[in-house]
Amino acid sequence: MAPGDLFTISEFLTAWEQHRNETEAKKAAARAENSPLFTEHLLSWLEQTRFSIEQSTYDSYELMLHTHVIPFFEHLNLRFAEVSAEHIQRYVDYKLNQVSPNTVRKHLWTISKCFSTALKVLEEQRLVSSNPVSAVEMPKPIKYAGAKHYNERQIEEMLVAFEGTKLGVLVRLTVFYGLRRSKF
């Protein structure tokens, strides 16, 4: 279109919308560059929550993040603002091949909590606008069927089998004092 030509309304609206989309894309890219790495933010969130939660809760979050979440996302090198529901869904699909749906639900709950906390701070800076975990399909939980206990004969056989081995003391302590499911 030559200078001085008149735009039709539809041409003007199309050009304006294209300009707006390009501007928003540039702003989003700039915001993403200022966003911390996702894995760094997870660790930062963990430290921030340390004194507002029970030590056992902190320990379970720390184990989960260091053992499962961070190793998966570390190689993606994603900024916090770049994490999408698609990334989280890939994590879910990957983990469902390794751990139970209930465990994956706990992971998602923890990641979601991290995003919810971040939204309060990073939304003001326009670095994050939504929680991508909310758009992910949660795995169906598996109902716990209850513990299966050894009878006296099985316990005696186990104690005899482990007697004198490196695990003998551990097995004996576990038999007499028990062990909660969450500690496995």
Protein backbone atom coordinates (compact mmCIF):
# COMPACT_ATOMS: atom_id res chain seq x y z
CA MET A 1 0.00 0.00 0.00
CA ALA A 2 1.44 3.34 -1.00
CA PRO A 3 1.69 6.30 1.38
CA GLY A 4 -1.50 8.29 1.32
CA ASP A 5 -3.67 5.27 0.43
CA LEU A 6 -6.62 4.80 2.67
CA PHE A 7 -7.00 1.64 4.72
CA THR A 8 -10.27 -0.17 4.72
CA ILE A 9 -11.53 -0.86 8.21
CA SER A 10 -10.75 -4.58 7.90
CA GLU A 11 -7.20 -3.85 6.65
CA PHE A 12 -6.66 -1.45 9.52
CA LEU A 13 -7.98 -3.94 12.08
CA THR A 14 -5.84 -6.72 10.62
CA ALA A 15 -2.70 -4.57 10.67
CA TRP A 16 -3.47 -3.35 14.19
CA GLU A 17 -4.07 -6.89 15.48
CA GLN A 18 -0.85 -8.12 13.85
CA HIS A 19 1.09 -5.25 15.43
CA ARG A 20 -0.49 -5.97 18.83
CA ASN A 21 0.34 -9.68 18.60
CA GLU A 22 3.95 -8.95 17.65
CA THR A 23 4.26 -6.47 20.51
CA GLU A 24 2.80 -8.94 23.01
CA ALA A 25 5.12 -11.68 21.75
CA LYS A 26 8.15 -9.39 22.22
CA LYS A 27 6.98 -8.46 25.73
CA ALA A 28 6.42 -12.12 26.63
CA ALA A 29 9.89 -13.05 25.36
CA ALA A 30 11.45 -10.23 27.41
CA ARG A 31 9.53 -11.34 30.51
CA ALA A 32 10.64 -14.95 30.01
CA GLU A 33 14.28 -13.85 29.81
CA ASN A 34 13.92 -12.17 33.21
CA SER A 35 12.27 -15.23 34.71
CA PRO A 36 14.44 -17.60 36.80
CA LEU A 37 15.11 -21.14 35.59
CA PHE A 38 12.26 -23.43 36.61
CA THR A 39 14.55 -25.77 38.54
CA GLU A 40 16.16 -22.84 40.37
CA HIS A 41 12.76 -21.51 41.29
CA LEU A 42 11.69 -24.91 42.65
CA LEU A 43 14.71 -24.92 44.97
CA SER A 44 14.10 -21.31 45.96
CA TRP A 45 10.45 -22.12 46.75
CA LEU A 46 11.56 -25.11 48.81
CA GLU A 47 13.84 -22.92 50.92
CA GLN A 48 11.15 -20.25 51.32
CA THR A 49 8.69 -22.81 52.67
CA ARG A 50 11.23 -24.47 54.98
CA PHE A 51 10.18 -22.65 58.15
CA SER A 52 6.44 -22.61 57.48
CA ILE A 53 6.03 -26.39 57.20
CA GLU A 54 6.88 -29.39 59.35
CA GLN A 55 10.38 -30.81 58.98
CA SER A 56 9.01 -34.13 57.71
CA THR A 57 7.00 -32.30 55.01
CA TYR A 58 10.08 -30.34 54.00
CA ASP A 59 12.10 -33.56 53.84
CA SER A 60 9.51 -35.23 51.59
CA TYR A 61 9.36 -32.15 49.28
CA GLU A 62 13.15 -32.06 49.11
CA LEU A 63 13.41 -35.76 48.29
CA MET A 64 10.67 -35.50 45.66
CA LEU A 65 12.16 -32.44 43.97
CA HIS A 66 15.76 -33.71 43.95
CA THR A 67 14.89 -37.28 42.98
CA HIS A 68 12.07 -36.80 40.48
CA VAL A 69 11.09 -33.29 39.40
CA ILE A 70 14.41 -31.48 38.99
CA PRO A 71 16.17 -34.32 37.10
CA PHE A 72 13.30 -34.37 34.58
CA PHE A 73 13.16 -30.60 33.99
CA GLU A 74 16.86 -29.78 34.36
CA HIS A 75 17.85 -30.82 30.84
CA LEU A 76 14.99 -28.77 29.34
CA ASN A 77 16.60 -25.58 30.68
CA LEU A 78 13.20 -23.89 30.93
CA ARG A 79 12.60 -20.50 32.46
CA PHE A 80 9.84 -20.44 35.04
CA ALA A 81 7.66 -18.32 32.73
CA GLU A 82 8.14 -20.82 29.88
CA VAL A 83 6.76 -23.86 31.71
CA SER A 84 3.51 -24.86 30.06
CA ALA A 85 0.80 -27.42 30.69
CA GLU A 86 2.35 -29.45 27.87
CA HIS A 87 5.66 -29.67 29.78
CA ILE A 88 3.87 -30.73 32.95
CA GLN A 89 1.80 -33.29 31.02
CA ARG A 90 5.00 -34.79 29.56
CA TYR A 91 6.34 -35.09 33.10
CA VAL A 92 3.14 -36.86 34.19
CA ASP A 93 3.24 -39.28 31.26
CA TYR A 94 6.91 -40.05 31.92
CA LYS A 95 6.46 -40.58 35.66
CA LEU A 96 3.39 -42.79 35.29
CA ASN A 97 5.74 -45.39 33.78
CA GLN A 98 7.87 -45.31 36.96
CA VAL A 99 5.67 -44.59 39.98
CA SER A 100 2.04 -44.96 41.01
CA PRO A 101 -0.66 -42.47 39.99
CA ASN A 102 -0.97 -41.48 43.66
CA THR A 103 2.71 -40.52 43.75
CA VAL A 104 2.37 -38.52 40.53
CA ARG A 105 -0.61 -36.69 42.06
CA LYS A 106 1.59 -35.74 45.03
CA HIS A 107 4.24 -34.45 42.64
CA LEU A 108 1.65 -32.38 40.77
CA TRP A 109 0.26 -31.01 43.99
CA THR A 110 3.75 -29.89 45.06
CA ILE A 111 4.55 -28.32 41.67
CA SER A 112 1.16 -26.59 41.71
CA LYS A 113 1.84 -25.24 45.19
CA CYS A 114 5.12 -23.82 43.93
CA PHE A 115 3.31 -22.09 41.05
CA SER A 116 0.54 -20.80 43.30
CA THR A 117 3.08 -19.23 45.62
CA ALA A 118 4.99 -17.77 42.68
CA LEU A 119 1.85 -16.30 41.14
CA LYS A 120 1.49 -13.98 44.10
CA VAL A 121 4.96 -12.53 43.49
CA LEU A 122 5.72 -13.05 39.81
CA GLU A 123 2.28 -12.03 38.57
CA GLU A 124 2.94 -8.51 39.85
CA GLN A 125 6.12 -8.51 37.76
CA ARG A 126 4.09 -9.98 34.86
CA LEU A 127 6.44 -12.97 34.67
CA VAL A 128 3.76 -15.62 35.20
CA SER A 129 0.05 -15.30 34.57
CA SER A 130 -1.32 -18.77 35.31
CA ASN A 131 -0.60 -22.10 36.92
CA PRO A 132 0.07 -24.65 34.11
CA VAL A 133 -0.62 -27.56 36.46
CA SER A 134 -4.30 -26.57 36.52
CA ALA A 135 -4.57 -27.48 32.82
CA VAL A 136 -3.06 -30.95 33.27
CA GLU A 137 -5.21 -34.03 33.60
CA MET A 138 -4.63 -35.58 37.01
CA PRO A 139 -4.07 -39.34 37.03
CA LYS A 140 -6.88 -41.26 38.67
CA PRO A 141 -5.94 -42.21 42.22
CA ILE A 142 -5.57 -45.83 43.20
CA LYS A 143 -7.55 -46.66 46.29
CA TYR A 144 -5.37 -48.06 49.05
CA ALA A 145 -6.49 -51.62 49.76
CA GLY A 146 -4.87 -51.79 53.17
CA ALA A 147 -1.70 -53.28 54.49
CA LYS A 148 -0.95 -56.95 54.08
CA HIS A 149 0.59 -58.33 57.23
CA TYR A 150 2.85 -61.31 57.73
CA ASN A 151 1.57 -64.00 60.06
CA GLU A 152 3.74 -65.31 62.93
CA ARG A 153 5.17 -68.18 60.87
CA GLN A 154 6.17 -65.84 58.01
CA ILE A 155 7.79 -63.40 60.44
CA GLU A 156 9.77 -66.20 62.07
CA GLU A 157 10.95 -67.48 58.67
CA MET A 158 12.00 -63.98 57.65
CA LEU A 159 13.92 -63.39 60.90
CA VAL A 160 15.73 -66.72 60.50
CA ALA A 161 16.53 -65.95 56.83
CA PHE A 162 18.06 -62.57 57.67
CA GLU A 163 19.81 -63.61 60.90
CA GLY A 164 23.52 -62.79 60.73
CA THR A 165 23.25 -60.77 57.49
CA LYS A 166 23.85 -57.04 56.99
CA LEU A 167 20.10 -56.48 56.91
CA GLY A 168 19.35 -58.65 59.93
CA VAL A 169 19.21 -55.78 62.44
CA LEU A 170 17.12 -53.61 60.09
CA VAL A 171 14.62 -56.41 59.48
CA ARG A 172 14.37 -57.15 63.21
CA LEU A 173 13.76 -53.45 64.01
CA THR A 174 11.15 -53.18 61.26
CA VAL A 175 9.33 -56.30 62.47
CA PHE A 176 9.16 -55.13 66.06
CA TYR A 177 8.64 -51.37 65.58
CA GLY A 178 6.95 -51.19 62.17
CA LEU A 179 7.47 -48.68 59.42
CA ARG A 180 4.94 -46.20 58.02
CA ARG A 181 4.06 -46.48 54.33
CA SER A 182 5.24 -42.92 53.63
CA LYS A 183 8.78 -43.83 54.71
CA PHE A 184 9.33 -46.45 52.02
